[in-house]
């Protein structure tokens, strides 16, 4: 599981085979109907980024016992194949120098931060979010463990970065679906683009959609985390 790619998140509803639009009365995963509290975050329209951290420390191996191993950091997209744009890579290297992680994950072998690279030149309309490019954190895996949201927020605070915006906690799937279908305001655009900081909410660009997870984390019968996504264009 070392430095694994980010698992695919299923859409909340089944899609119509002809229109490819969702059918709001047919759940893709029946398990979601049993959950009565969802943590819903904004889905940013950008590119998936993995920040792979290999913590340093003092080696306890037989050959190099006592040697100091330096922390190293690598940057990848959702898979190992896509080439990351140079301007995004430069921003990530400035944001995450290896020494920034010193002492953070002393008992871990490898850590992966999962986030969204977004902004100017990334996806159509990326400039609505901000000038230049940036990164927001949405998940963290430490060795074999996925962290809960409060731990993710703590790591973001320690690294002086931001998570994807929390829209809120919901106990109704219908309420979330209605929110997305109507077009939820992008909190990223509203907070980072000066053009949208002094306007009415309906004048702020709409978010691509939402991602929902259980808190604390629950898994499906296939052993995958119980999460789902929904986009405005799905309707």
C-alpha atoms as a PDB file:
ATOM      1  CA  UNK A   1       0.000   0.000   0.000  1.00  0.00           C
ATOM      2  CA  UNK A   2       3.027   2.264  -0.115  1.00  0.00           C
ATOM      3  CA  UNK A   3       2.184   5.605  -1.764  1.00  0.00           C
ATOM      4  CA  UNK A   4      -1.090   4.253  -3.159  1.00  0.00           C
ATOM      5  CA  UNK A   5      -3.136   6.160  -5.711  1.00  0.00           C
ATOM      6  CA  UNK A   6      -6.314   7.765  -4.426  1.00  0.00           C
ATOM      7  CA  UNK A   7      -9.291   5.383  -4.587  1.00  0.00           C
ATOM      8  CA  UNK A   8     -12.157   6.231  -6.911  1.00  0.00           C
ATOM      9  CA  UNK A   9     -15.125   7.863  -5.181  1.00  0.00           C
ATOM     10  CA  UNK A  10     -18.518   6.613  -6.359  1.00  0.00           C
ATOM     11  CA  UNK A  11     -21.340   8.943  -7.378  1.00  0.00           C
ATOM     12  CA  UNK A  12     -24.224   8.994  -4.896  1.00  0.00           C
ATOM     13  CA  UNK A  13     -26.880   7.942  -7.418  1.00  0.00           C
ATOM     14  CA  UNK A  14     -27.038   5.507 -10.332  1.00  0.00           C
ATOM     15  CA  UNK A  15     -26.717   7.133 -13.765  1.00  0.00           C
ATOM     16  CA  UNK A  16     -29.250   6.775 -16.536  1.00  0.00           C
ATOM     17  CA  UNK A  17     -27.597   4.775 -19.332  1.00  0.00           C
ATOM     18  CA  UNK A  18     -29.015   7.044 -22.032  1.00  0.00           C
ATOM     19  CA  UNK A  19     -28.692  10.542 -20.590  1.00  0.00           C
ATOM     20  CA  UNK A  20     -25.809   9.858 -18.181  1.00  0.00           C
ATOM     21  CA  UNK A  21     -27.655  12.019 -15.675  1.00  0.00           C
ATOM     22  CA  UNK A  22     -28.184  10.675 -12.157  1.00  0.00           C
ATOM     23  CA  UNK A  23     -31.415   9.072 -11.014  1.00  0.00           C
ATOM     24  CA  UNK A  24     -32.033  10.685  -7.598  1.00  0.00           C
ATOM     25  CA  UNK A  25     -34.301   7.856  -6.483  1.00  0.00           C
ATOM     26  CA  UNK A  26     -31.711   5.081  -7.025  1.00  0.00           C
ATOM     27  CA  UNK A  27     -28.714   4.920  -4.701  1.00  0.00           C
ATOM     28  CA  UNK A  28     -25.498   3.512  -6.134  1.00  0.00           C
ATOM     29  CA  UNK A  29     -24.461   2.120  -2.736  1.00  0.00           C
ATOM     30  CA  UNK A  30     -27.368   1.009  -0.519  1.00  0.00           C
ATOM     31  CA  UNK A  31     -25.151   1.341   2.557  1.00  0.00           C
ATOM     32  CA  UNK A  32     -25.409   5.128   2.466  1.00  0.00           C
ATOM     33  CA  UNK A  33     -29.078   4.993   3.448  1.00  0.00           C
ATOM     34  CA  UNK A  34     -28.061   3.647   6.861  1.00  0.00           C
ATOM     35  CA  UNK A  35     -25.900   6.654   7.741  1.00  0.00           C
ATOM     36  CA  UNK A  36     -27.554   9.654   9.390  1.00  0.00           C
ATOM     37  CA  UNK A  37     -24.616  12.064   9.528  1.00  0.00           C
ATOM     38  CA  UNK A  38     -22.418  13.098   6.602  1.00  0.00           C
ATOM     39  CA  UNK A  39     -19.435  15.442   6.530  1.00  0.00           C
ATOM     40  CA  UNK A  40     -19.783  17.309   3.224  1.00  0.00           C
ATOM     41  CA  UNK A  41     -16.880  19.209   1.645  1.00  0.00           C
ATOM     42  CA  UNK A  42     -16.502  21.228  -1.531  1.00  0.00           C
ATOM     43  CA  UNK A  43     -15.280  19.357  -4.589  1.00  0.00           C
ATOM     44  CA  UNK A  44     -12.727  21.573  -6.318  1.00  0.00           C
ATOM     45  CA  UNK A  45     -12.369  21.351 -10.088  1.00  0.00           C
ATOM     46  CA  UNK A  46      -8.636  20.874 -10.370  1.00  0.00           C
ATOM     47  CA  UNK A  47      -6.120  18.058 -10.611  1.00  0.00           C
ATOM     48  CA  UNK A  48      -5.433  15.342  -8.068  1.00  0.00           C
ATOM     49  CA  UNK A  49      -2.076  15.653  -6.299  1.00  0.00           C
ATOM     50  CA  UNK A  50      -0.199  13.219  -4.067  1.00  0.00           C
ATOM     51  CA  UNK A  51       2.442  14.554  -1.724  1.00  0.00           C
ATOM     52  CA  UNK A  52       4.462  11.496  -0.705  1.00  0.00           C
ATOM     53  CA  UNK A  53       6.469  11.959   2.479  1.00  0.00           C
ATOM     54  CA  UNK A  54       9.146   9.532   3.562  1.00  0.00           C
ATOM     55  CA  UNK A  55      10.019  10.568   7.128  1.00  0.00           C
ATOM     56  CA  UNK A  56      13.637  10.712   8.163  1.00  0.00           C
ATOM     57  CA  UNK A  57      15.207   9.897  11.487  1.00  0.00           C
ATOM     58  CA  UNK A  58      17.904   7.683  12.934  1.00  0.00           C
ATOM     59  CA  UNK A  59      18.285   4.338  11.179  1.00  0.00           C
ATOM     60  CA  UNK A  60      17.919   1.211  13.293  1.00  0.00           C
ATOM     61  CA  UNK A  61      18.902  -1.163  10.484  1.00  0.00           C
ATOM     62  CA  UNK A  62      21.816  -3.549  10.944  1.00  0.00           C
ATOM     63  CA  UNK A  63      23.841  -2.083   8.062  1.00  0.00           C
ATOM     64  CA  UNK A  64      23.235   1.627   8.631  1.00  0.00           C
ATOM     65  CA  UNK A  65      22.375   1.673  12.331  1.00  0.00           C
ATOM     66  CA  UNK A  66      22.761   5.146  13.807  1.00  0.00           C
ATOM     67  CA  UNK A  67      22.842   6.918  10.475  1.00  0.00           C
ATOM     68  CA  UNK A  68      20.606   9.963  10.112  1.00  0.00           C
ATOM     69  CA  UNK A  69      18.187   9.597   7.214  1.00  0.00           C
ATOM     70  CA  UNK A  70      16.826  12.820   5.762  1.00  0.00           C
ATOM     71  CA  UNK A  71      13.120  13.300   5.143  1.00  0.00           C
ATOM     72  CA  UNK A  72      12.252  13.207   1.441  1.00  0.00           C
ATOM     73  CA  UNK A  73       9.168  14.410  -0.436  1.00  0.00           C
ATOM     74  CA  UNK A  74       7.871  13.442  -3.881  1.00  0.00           C
ATOM     75  CA  UNK A  75       4.985  14.843  -5.910  1.00  0.00           C
ATOM     76  CA  UNK A  76       2.705  12.863  -8.210  1.00  0.00           C
ATOM     77  CA  UNK A  77      -0.701  13.089  -9.829  1.00  0.00           C
ATOM     78  CA  UNK A  78      -3.533  10.662  -9.258  1.00  0.00           C
ATOM     79  CA  UNK A  79      -1.536   8.001 -11.131  1.00  0.00           C
ATOM     80  CA  UNK A  80       2.208   7.676 -11.645  1.00  0.00           C
ATOM     81  CA  UNK A  81       1.982   8.358 -15.401  1.00  0.00           C
ATOM     82  CA  UNK A  82       0.587  11.898 -15.928  1.00  0.00           C
ATOM     83  CA  UNK A  83       3.206  14.624 -16.128  1.00  0.00           C
ATOM     84  CA  UNK A  84       2.618  17.405 -13.634  1.00  0.00           C
ATOM     85  CA  UNK A  85       2.702  20.965 -15.038  1.00  0.00           C
ATOM     86  CA  UNK A  86       5.943  22.736 -14.134  1.00  0.00           C
ATOM     87  CA  UNK A  87       4.127  25.713 -12.601  1.00  0.00           C
ATOM     88  CA  UNK A  88       2.173  23.436 -10.244  1.00  0.00           C
ATOM     89  CA  UNK A  89       5.274  21.434  -9.322  1.00  0.00           C
ATOM     90  CA  UNK A  90       7.122  24.656  -8.462  1.00  0.00           C
ATOM     91  CA  UNK A  91       4.273  25.760  -6.210  1.00  0.00           C
ATOM     92  CA  UNK A  92       4.233  22.391  -4.432  1.00  0.00           C
ATOM     93  CA  UNK A  93       8.006  22.378  -3.921  1.00  0.00           C
ATOM     94  CA  UNK A  94       7.796  25.821  -2.317  1.00  0.00           C
ATOM     95  CA  UNK A  95       4.844  24.769  -0.172  1.00  0.00           C
ATOM     96  CA  UNK A  96       6.327  21.465   1.012  1.00  0.00           C
ATOM     97  CA  UNK A  97      10.102  21.596   1.551  1.00  0.00           C
ATOM     98  CA  UNK A  98      11.250  18.320   3.190  1.00  0.00           C
ATOM     99  CA  UNK A  99      12.314  20.026   6.424  1.00  0.00           C
ATOM    100  CA  UNK A 100       8.723  21.138   6.966  1.00  0.00           C
ATOM    101  CA  UNK A 101       7.880  17.546   7.864  1.00  0.00           C
ATOM    102  CA  UNK A 102      10.746  16.964  10.286  1.00  0.00           C
ATOM    103  CA  UNK A 103       9.406  15.532  13.521  1.00  0.00           C
ATOM    104  CA  UNK A 104       5.808  15.264  12.274  1.00  0.00           C
ATOM    105  CA  UNK A 105       5.605  11.555  11.477  1.00  0.00           C
ATOM    106  CA  UNK A 106       8.460  10.029  13.455  1.00  0.00           C
ATOM    107  CA  UNK A 107       6.923   6.570  13.832  1.00  0.00           C
ATOM    108  CA  UNK A 108       5.667   6.230  10.250  1.00  0.00           C
ATOM    109  CA  UNK A 109       7.418   4.671   7.270  1.00  0.00           C
ATOM    110  CA  UNK A 110       5.588   6.669   4.634  1.00  0.00           C
ATOM    111  CA  UNK A 111       2.841   9.259   4.557  1.00  0.00           C
ATOM    112  CA  UNK A 112       0.720  10.458   1.646  1.00  0.00           C
ATOM    113  CA  UNK A 113      -1.130  13.752   1.578  1.00  0.00           C
ATOM    114  CA  UNK A 114      -3.919  13.817  -0.988  1.00  0.00           C
ATOM    115  CA  UNK A 115      -5.195  17.122  -2.267  1.00  0.00           C
ATOM    116  CA  UNK A 116      -6.345  19.184  -5.183  1.00  0.00           C
ATOM    117  CA  UNK A 117      -4.084  21.377  -7.286  1.00  0.00           C
ATOM    118  CA  UNK A 118      -6.208  24.202  -8.662  1.00  0.00           C
ATOM    119  CA  UNK A 119      -6.240  27.724 -10.022  1.00  0.00           C
ATOM    120  CA  UNK A 120      -5.168  29.516 -13.160  1.00  0.00           C
ATOM    121  CA  UNK A 121      -4.409  27.205 -16.102  1.00  0.00           C
ATOM    122  CA  UNK A 122      -5.795  24.144 -14.294  1.00  0.00           C
ATOM    123  CA  UNK A 123      -9.105  23.057 -15.831  1.00  0.00           C
ATOM    124  CA  UNK A 124     -11.463  25.378 -17.657  1.00  0.00           C
ATOM    125  CA  UNK A 125     -12.445  28.235 -15.389  1.00  0.00           C
ATOM    126  CA  UNK A 126      -9.621  27.525 -12.952  1.00  0.00           C
ATOM    127  CA  UNK A 127      -8.884  31.242 -12.815  1.00  0.00           C
ATOM    128  CA  UNK A 128     -12.204  31.725 -11.022  1.00  0.00           C
ATOM    129  CA  UNK A 129     -10.590  30.223  -7.954  1.00  0.00           C
ATOM    130  CA  UNK A 130      -7.474  32.394  -7.831  1.00  0.00           C
ATOM    131  CA  UNK A 131      -4.509  33.801  -9.724  1.00  0.00           C
ATOM    132  CA  UNK A 132      -1.695  31.308  -9.974  1.00  0.00           C
ATOM    133  CA  UNK A 133      -2.034  27.772  -8.620  1.00  0.00           C
ATOM    134  CA  UNK A 134      -2.409  26.334  -5.150  1.00  0.00           C
ATOM    135  CA  UNK A 135      -3.125  23.153  -3.190  1.00  0.00           C
ATOM    136  CA  UNK A 136      -5.778  22.164  -0.673  1.00  0.00           C
ATOM    137  CA  UNK A 137      -5.672  18.996   1.395  1.00  0.00           C
ATOM    138  CA  UNK A 138      -8.560  16.520   1.456  1.00  0.00           C
ATOM    139  CA  UNK A 139      -7.103  13.262   2.798  1.00  0.00           C
ATOM    140  CA  UNK A 140      -4.099  11.779   4.576  1.00  0.00           C
ATOM    141  CA  UNK A 141      -2.876   8.212   4.780  1.00  0.00           C
ATOM    142  CA  UNK A 142      -0.212   7.254   7.325  1.00  0.00           C
ATOM    143  CA  UNK A 143       1.184   3.788   6.564  1.00  0.00           C
ATOM    144  CA  UNK A 144      -1.984   1.615   6.438  1.00  0.00           C
ATOM    145  CA  UNK A 145      -4.294   4.107   8.168  1.00  0.00           C
ATOM    146  CA  UNK A 146      -6.674   6.671   6.682  1.00  0.00           C
ATOM    147  CA  UNK A 147      -7.000   9.584   9.096  1.00  0.00           C
ATOM    148  CA  UNK A 148     -10.246  11.087  10.363  1.00  0.00           C
ATOM    149  CA  UNK A 149     -11.143  14.643   9.399  1.00  0.00           C
ATOM    150  CA  UNK A 150     -10.067  16.209  12.695  1.00  0.00           C
ATOM    151  CA  UNK A 151      -6.597  14.690  12.238  1.00  0.00           C
ATOM    152  CA  UNK A 152      -6.480  15.969   8.646  1.00  0.00           C
ATOM    153  CA  UNK A 153      -7.308  19.470   9.853  1.00  0.00           C
ATOM    154  CA  UNK A 154      -4.607  19.236  12.538  1.00  0.00           C
ATOM    155  CA  UNK A 155      -1.986  18.262   9.950  1.00  0.00           C
ATOM    156  CA  UNK A 156      -3.093  21.095   7.665  1.00  0.00           C
ATOM    157  CA  UNK A 157      -2.750  23.546  10.549  1.00  0.00           C
ATOM    158  CA  UNK A 158       0.705  22.225  11.431  1.00  0.00           C
ATOM    159  CA  UNK A 159       1.807  22.592   7.802  1.00  0.00           C
ATOM    160  CA  UNK A 160       0.186  26.041   7.489  1.00  0.00           C
ATOM    161  CA  UNK A 161      -2.009  24.951   4.581  1.00  0.00           C
ATOM    162  CA  UNK A 162      -5.766  24.695   4.068  1.00  0.00           C
ATOM    163  CA  UNK A 163      -8.107  21.778   3.624  1.00  0.00           C
ATOM    164  CA  UNK A 164     -10.906  21.739   1.089  1.00  0.00           C
ATOM    165  CA  UNK A 165     -13.765  23.798   2.572  1.00  0.00           C
ATOM    166  CA  UNK A 166     -16.276  22.097   4.844  1.00  0.00           C
ATOM    167  CA  UNK A 167     -19.824  22.878   3.714  1.00  0.00           C
ATOM    168  CA  UNK A 168     -21.337  21.274   6.773  1.00  0.00           C
ATOM    169  CA  UNK A 169     -22.728  18.163   8.440  1.00  0.00           C
ATOM    170  CA  UNK A 170     -25.951  16.777   6.956  1.00  0.00           C
ATOM    171  CA  UNK A 171     -28.367  14.102   8.133  1.00  0.00           C
ATOM    172  CA  UNK A 172     -30.396  14.022   4.915  1.00  0.00           C
ATOM    173  CA  UNK A 173     -29.216  12.832   1.495  1.00  0.00           C
ATOM    174  CA  UNK A 174     -32.091  14.736  -0.097  1.00  0.00           C
ATOM    175  CA  UNK A 175     -30.875  18.000   1.426  1.00  0.00           C
ATOM    176  CA  UNK A 176     -27.395  17.507  -0.015  1.00  0.00           C
ATOM    177  CA  UNK A 177     -28.767  16.525  -3.425  1.00  0.00           C
ATOM    178  CA  UNK A 178     -30.979  19.618  -3.525  1.00  0.00           C
ATOM    179  CA  UNK A 179     -28.062  21.816  -2.510  1.00  0.00           C
ATOM    180  CA  UNK A 180     -25.881  20.454  -5.304  1.00  0.00           C
ATOM    181  CA  UNK A 181     -28.624  20.519  -7.918  1.00  0.00           C
ATOM    182  CA  UNK A 182     -29.340  24.192  -7.151  1.00  0.00           C
ATOM    183  CA  UNK A 183     -25.619  24.989  -7.385  1.00  0.00           C
ATOM    184  CA  UNK A 184     -23.692  25.440  -4.165  1.00  0.00           C
ATOM    185  CA  UNK A 185     -21.429  28.500  -3.929  1.00  0.00           C
ATOM    186  CA  UNK A 186     -17.698  27.830  -4.266  1.00  0.00           C
ATOM    187  CA  UNK A 187     -16.167  28.718  -0.935  1.00  0.00           C
ATOM    188  CA  UNK A 188     -12.713  28.540  -2.504  1.00  0.00           C
ATOM    189  CA  UNK A 189     -13.535  31.174  -5.125  1.00  0.00           C
ATOM    190  CA  UNK A 190     -15.291  33.332  -2.545  1.00  0.00           C
ATOM    191  CA  UNK A 191     -12.338  33.280  -0.152  1.00  0.00           C
ATOM    192  CA  UNK A 192      -9.389  33.391  -2.567  1.00  0.00           C
ATOM    193  CA  UNK A 193     -10.472  35.524  -5.514  1.00  0.00           C
ATOM    194  CA  UNK A 194     -10.795  39.227  -4.548  1.00  0.00           C
ATOM    195  CA  UNK A 195     -13.316  39.659  -7.365  1.00  0.00           C
ATOM    196  CA  UNK A 196     -15.870  37.623  -5.410  1.00  0.00           C
ATOM    197  CA  UNK A 197     -15.228  38.792  -1.856  1.00  0.00           C
ATOM    198  CA  UNK A 198     -17.561  41.812  -1.936  1.00  0.00           C
ATOM    199  CA  UNK A 199     -20.461  40.381  -3.949  1.00  0.00           C
ATOM    200  CA  UNK A 200     -23.690  38.603  -3.129  1.00  0.00           C
ATOM    201  CA  UNK A 201     -23.489  34.794  -2.749  1.00  0.00           C
ATOM    202  CA  UNK A 202     -25.385  34.107  -5.977  1.00  0.00           C
ATOM    203  CA  UNK A 203     -22.733  36.082  -7.906  1.00  0.00           C
ATOM    204  CA  UNK A 204     -19.947  33.765  -6.742  1.00  0.00           C
ATOM    205  CA  UNK A 205     -19.104  30.880  -9.151  1.00  0.00           C
ATOM    206  CA  UNK A 206     -20.693  27.555  -8.324  1.00  0.00           C
ATOM    207  CA  UNK A 207     -18.637  24.710  -6.894  1.00  0.00           C
ATOM    208  CA  UNK A 208     -18.057  21.685  -9.110  1.00  0.00           C
ATOM    209  CA  UNK A 209     -19.915  19.648  -6.518  1.00  0.00           C
ATOM    210  CA  UNK A 210     -19.419  17.973  -3.155  1.00  0.00           C
ATOM    211  CA  UNK A 211     -17.743  14.981  -1.555  1.00  0.00           C
ATOM    212  CA  UNK A 212     -19.297  13.332   1.499  1.00  0.00           C
ATOM    213  CA  UNK A 213     -17.754  11.002   4.046  1.00  0.00           C
ATOM    214  CA  UNK A 214     -18.681   9.459   7.358  1.00  0.00           C
ATOM    215  CA  UNK A 215     -17.108  10.825  10.508  1.00  0.00           C
ATOM    216  CA  UNK A 216     -15.670   8.669  11.990  1.00  0.00           C
ATOM    217  CA  UNK A 217     -14.808   6.611   8.946  1.00  0.00           C
ATOM    218  CA  UNK A 218     -16.928   3.594   8.033  1.00  0.00           C
ATOM    219  CA  UNK A 219     -16.311   1.014   5.308  1.00  0.00           C
ATOM    220  CA  UNK A 220     -18.455  -0.855   2.799  1.00  0.00           C
ATOM    221  CA  UNK A 221     -18.626  -4.642   2.695  1.00  0.00           C
ATOM    222  CA  UNK A 222     -15.851  -4.485   0.071  1.00  0.00           C
ATOM    223  CA  UNK A 223     -13.592  -2.864   2.629  1.00  0.00           C
ATOM    224  CA  UNK A 224     -13.643   0.548   0.938  1.00  0.00           C
ATOM    225  CA  UNK A 225     -14.347   3.759   2.792  1.00  0.00           C
ATOM    226  CA  UNK A 226     -17.956   4.844   2.658  1.00  0.00           C
ATOM    227  CA  UNK A 227     -17.730   8.036   0.616  1.00  0.00           C
ATOM    228  CA  UNK A 228     -19.588   9.526  -2.324  1.00  0.00           C
ATOM    229  CA  UNK A 229     -19.517  12.525  -4.632  1.00  0.00           C
ATOM    230  CA  UNK A 230     -22.131  14.530  -6.473  1.00  0.00           C
ATOM    231  CA  UNK A 231     -21.696  17.229  -9.138  1.00  0.00           C
ATOM    232  CA  UNK A 232     -24.100  19.891 -10.293  1.00  0.00           C
ATOM    233  CA  UNK A 233     -23.704  18.683 -13.874  1.00  0.00           C
ATOM    234  CA  UNK A 234     -24.896  15.227 -12.788  1.00  0.00           C
ATOM    235  CA  UNK A 235     -28.487  16.471 -12.814  1.00  0.00           C
END
